[in-house]
Amino acid sequence: MSKPQDSMDKKKVFKPPNFTIKDINSRIPPHLHEPSTSLSLLYFARDVAFVALFWTLATKIDPMFRLAVESGMLSPWAAMLGKWASWCIFWFFQSVTMTGLWVLGHECGHRAFSRSRFVSDCVGYLVHTFTGTPYFSWKITHHIHHSFHGSLEKDSHHIPRTRSELGIPPETPGQPMDYREYLEDTPIYTILMLMIHQFIGFPLYISTNLGGQRNLPSWTSHFNPNATALFKPDQKWAVLASNVGIMSVIAACYHYSKLYGWAAVSKYYIIPWLWVNNWIMVIVYLQHTDPRVPRYRSGAWTFTRGAACTIDRPLLGPLGRFFLHDVAHFHVAHHLFPRMPFYHTEEATKYIRAAMGEHYLSHEEYWLSNLWKSFGRCLFVEDEGDVVFFKDKDGEAVYELASE
């Protein structure tokens, strides 16, 4: 069975790139690799100020609409609709601002925030703890992701499932196969899985390694300092420090629930936190999961090929540029040069795009429709082959490998 391809998928033949990081870096002005601690701290202060501003404005929502009803300006129904619409606006803007803080923590983990390890770790620990991520633990495994990105055997997360893992038998030449017998294909199921993936997928990965390498022990977790598959013995105290941070956030939520109730804690923090998880998953998933993005096995993987297995996307347009610090707009530059500060990646991308040629990938489609398409089309890869592409519910990939 086959399916029509979108206009973005017209190119059918793929040849793995042979350029090197040195080839690309030779085109980039050296100053683009250097962070400014003072500028990074200004972005940090700006984001904190916006979080405080939105939080303060949210405290006015319920009293304002209660007063509108009492004064007769609005009917109870109109006030209720207005109140919840206002809360939804708050949740959106607070979540993208908190996600921006998380992105700065990600910069800190790479020391793209500041060349000072002390400054980077202090800021990173604060903002990642506030947004529910164990800073040092995730920093350690995220370096594994960057070191082996695009490798089916060694990458740390978003590892594609293979044909055999899904229980799909090999194709028999000349005999059509109905892949839908082996792949769940109902819209309700897809929506349910997508919701789980978006809102609790990141916490599940952190706590249980869901979506990571599947050959790791069952007790593998970012919260387990003895998870030897993730951490070295001398990193134990860093993991414990990360755990203390997350426990302090949980304790703070419990404390304020006693003072103001769980409804208030949910409205001001938990719901925005859930949406932060959604934005993190949108960013990470769509940066690395696309029918055009290859995966490599050890016979073909190189660091440069793996780093090129990502795609630039204009997530949320100007809002994404402002609040999310270009993390999605210029992610190819980040994977090629993880220590490059985000405020230099736009300029660097001009040189990178020229150097990579057809292997530079970008996508202009709106994030929600693109998320739905990628989630429904990037289902599995073959068990064999040094270079593989995602296949969809019809067993079709958008590329075939160029003959040697």
Foldseek 3Di string as FASTA:
>chain_A
DDDDDDPVLPAFADAFDDDDLVLLVVLDDPVLLAADLVVLVVLVVVLVVQLVVLLVVLVVLVVVLVVCCVVVVDPPVVSVVSSVVSLVVSLVSNLLSLLQLQLLLLLLLLCLNDVDVVSSVVSNLVSCLQLQHLRLLVSQLVVQQLQFFLALQGHFFQRFAACVNLPHDDDDPPDADQLCVRDPDDPVVLVVVLLCCQQCVVVCCQAQVVRTDPVADRRDHLLDLPRVVRDDVVCSVSSVVSVVSNVVNVVVQVVVCVVPNNVVSCSSGVSSSSVNSNVVSLQVCQQQFDLVFKGFYPVPDDSLSSLLRTEAECAPPPSCCSSNLSCRRQVSQCSSNVSRHSVSRVVSVVSNCVSCPPSHHYDYDHSVVRVSVRSQAQHHWHPDDRMTGGGHSSRDGSYDYDDD
